Amino acid sequence: MSRIFTVSVASVYPHYVNKVERKGRTKAELDQVIEWLTGFDAAALDRHLKAETTFEDFFADARLNAGVDRIKGVVCGVRVEDIDDPLMQKIRYLDKLVDELARGKAVDKVLRA
């Protein structure tokens, strides 16, 4: 089991916020991307952050968007579509979407609209 599975989403979330805000994006856009991927609205995301839910439990509770199979590309040197472990793949989907948002990609493109 990877160590990231037991890390709380709340401990990583501020890093996501900093990453996108440094590039001129907003926390609201980040939350929109997280909602698209997981189905968690602002209240549900806030509950998970306050409860310090682990990535494992966070994604166990998520309703992944039907369009996740359109998320392609490389994160940390690994193609997200080639990751065998289902949980690691979900975590890397989130990383990929955050990267795209931080790189200035339009939100509708990040959300595969």
Protein backbone atom coordinates (compact mmCIF):
# COMPACT_ATOMS: atom_id res chain seq x y z
CA MET A 1 0.00 0.00 0.00
CA SER A 2 1.29 3.44 -0.92
CA ARG A 3 1.80 5.93 1.90
CA ILE A 4 -0.31 8.54 0.06
CA PHE A 5 -3.42 6.37 0.60
CA THR A 6 -3.33 7.10 4.35
CA VAL A 7 -2.49 10.80 4.03
CA SER A 8 -5.37 13.16 4.79
CA VAL A 9 -6.77 15.14 1.89
CA ALA A 10 -6.80 18.15 4.25
CA SER A 11 -3.01 18.01 4.55
CA VAL A 12 -2.55 18.16 0.75
CA TYR A 13 -5.43 20.49 -0.15
CA PRO A 14 -3.58 23.72 0.91
CA HIS A 15 -0.76 22.73 -1.46
CA TYR A 16 -3.28 22.38 -4.30
CA VAL A 17 -4.72 25.82 -3.43
CA ASN A 18 -1.24 27.41 -3.32
CA LYS A 19 -0.27 25.79 -6.61
CA VAL A 20 -3.29 27.10 -8.52
CA GLU A 21 -3.31 30.54 -6.83
CA ARG A 22 0.40 31.07 -7.65
CA LYS A 23 -0.59 30.64 -11.28
CA GLY A 24 -3.48 33.12 -11.08
CA ARG A 25 -6.29 30.62 -10.60
CA THR A 26 -8.77 30.53 -7.72
CA LYS A 27 -9.72 28.18 -4.90
CA ALA A 28 -13.26 28.25 -6.35
CA GLU A 29 -11.94 26.89 -9.66
CA LEU A 30 -10.01 24.20 -7.80
CA ASP A 31 -13.13 23.23 -5.85
CA GLN A 32 -15.09 23.09 -9.13
CA VAL A 33 -12.51 20.67 -10.55
CA ILE A 34 -12.65 18.51 -7.39
CA GLU A 35 -16.46 18.49 -7.55
CA TRP A 36 -16.38 17.43 -11.22
CA LEU A 37 -14.04 14.53 -10.41
CA THR A 38 -15.55 13.32 -7.12
CA GLY A 39 -19.14 14.55 -7.05
CA PHE A 40 -18.44 16.36 -3.74
CA ASP A 41 -20.12 19.76 -3.56
CA ALA A 42 -18.60 22.50 -1.38
CA ALA A 43 -20.30 21.22 1.79
CA ALA A 44 -19.20 17.61 1.23
CA LEU A 45 -15.63 18.68 0.41
CA ASP A 46 -15.56 20.85 3.54
CA ARG A 47 -16.77 17.90 5.66
CA HIS A 48 -13.98 15.69 4.29
CA LEU A 49 -11.38 18.39 4.93
CA LYS A 50 -12.58 19.01 8.50
CA ALA A 51 -12.72 15.26 9.22
CA GLU A 52 -9.18 14.88 7.80
CA THR A 53 -10.38 12.03 5.60
CA THR A 54 -7.61 9.91 4.08
CA PHE A 55 -7.29 9.71 0.30
CA GLU A 56 -8.42 6.09 0.56
CA ASP A 57 -11.68 7.01 2.33
CA PHE A 58 -12.14 10.19 0.27
CA PHE A 59 -12.19 8.28 -3.00
CA ALA A 60 -14.16 5.38 -1.48
CA ASP A 61 -16.92 7.92 -0.78
CA ALA A 62 -16.62 9.67 -4.17
CA ARG A 63 -18.88 9.20 -7.19
CA LEU A 64 -16.32 9.53 -9.96
CA ASN A 65 -17.38 11.48 -13.01
CA ALA A 66 -18.25 9.29 -15.99
CA GLY A 67 -15.74 11.28 -18.05
CA VAL A 68 -12.64 10.25 -16.09
CA ASP A 69 -11.57 7.97 -18.92
CA ARG A 70 -10.90 11.18 -20.93
CA ILE A 71 -8.19 12.21 -18.44
CA LYS A 72 -4.94 11.36 -20.19
CA GLY A 73 -1.34 12.38 -19.80
CA VAL A 74 1.67 12.17 -17.54
CA VAL A 75 1.88 12.96 -13.82
CA CYS A 76 5.14 12.34 -11.96
CA GLY A 77 6.51 10.59 -15.02
CA VAL A 78 3.66 8.08 -15.22
CA ARG A 79 0.78 8.01 -17.70
CA VAL A 80 -2.43 8.24 -15.65
CA GLU A 81 -4.33 5.98 -18.03
CA ASP A 82 -1.72 3.21 -17.50
CA ILE A 83 -1.81 3.11 -13.67
CA ASP A 84 -2.92 -0.34 -12.49
CA ASP A 85 -3.92 0.45 -8.89
CA PRO A 86 -7.44 1.95 -8.98
CA LEU A 87 -6.93 4.19 -5.95
CA MET A 88 -3.55 5.49 -7.13
CA GLN A 89 -5.12 6.19 -10.52
CA LYS A 90 -7.87 8.30 -8.88
CA ILE A 91 -5.29 10.26 -6.89
CA ARG A 92 -3.28 10.86 -10.06
CA TYR A 93 -6.45 11.95 -11.91
CA LEU A 94 -6.83 14.65 -9.26
CA ASP A 95 -3.14 15.60 -9.57
CA LYS A 96 -3.47 15.82 -13.35
CA LEU A 97 -6.54 18.08 -13.17
CA VAL A 98 -4.84 20.36 -10.61
CA ASP A 99 -1.75 20.55 -12.87
CA GLU A 100 -3.87 21.45 -15.89
CA LEU A 101 -5.70 24.15 -13.95
CA ALA A 102 -2.41 25.59 -12.65
CA ARG A 103 -0.98 25.59 -16.17
CA GLY A 104 -3.73 27.94 -17.27
CA LYS A 105 -5.94 25.52 -19.15
CA ALA A 106 -9.54 26.77 -19.39
CA VAL A 107 -11.80 25.23 -16.74
CA ASP A 108 -14.18 23.77 -19.34
CA LYS A 109 -11.19 22.03 -20.98
CA VAL A 110 -9.96 20.72 -17.58
CA LEU A 111 -13.47 19.37 -17.00
CA ARG A 112 -13.45 17.66 -20.38
CA ALA A 113 -16.57 19.62 -21.43
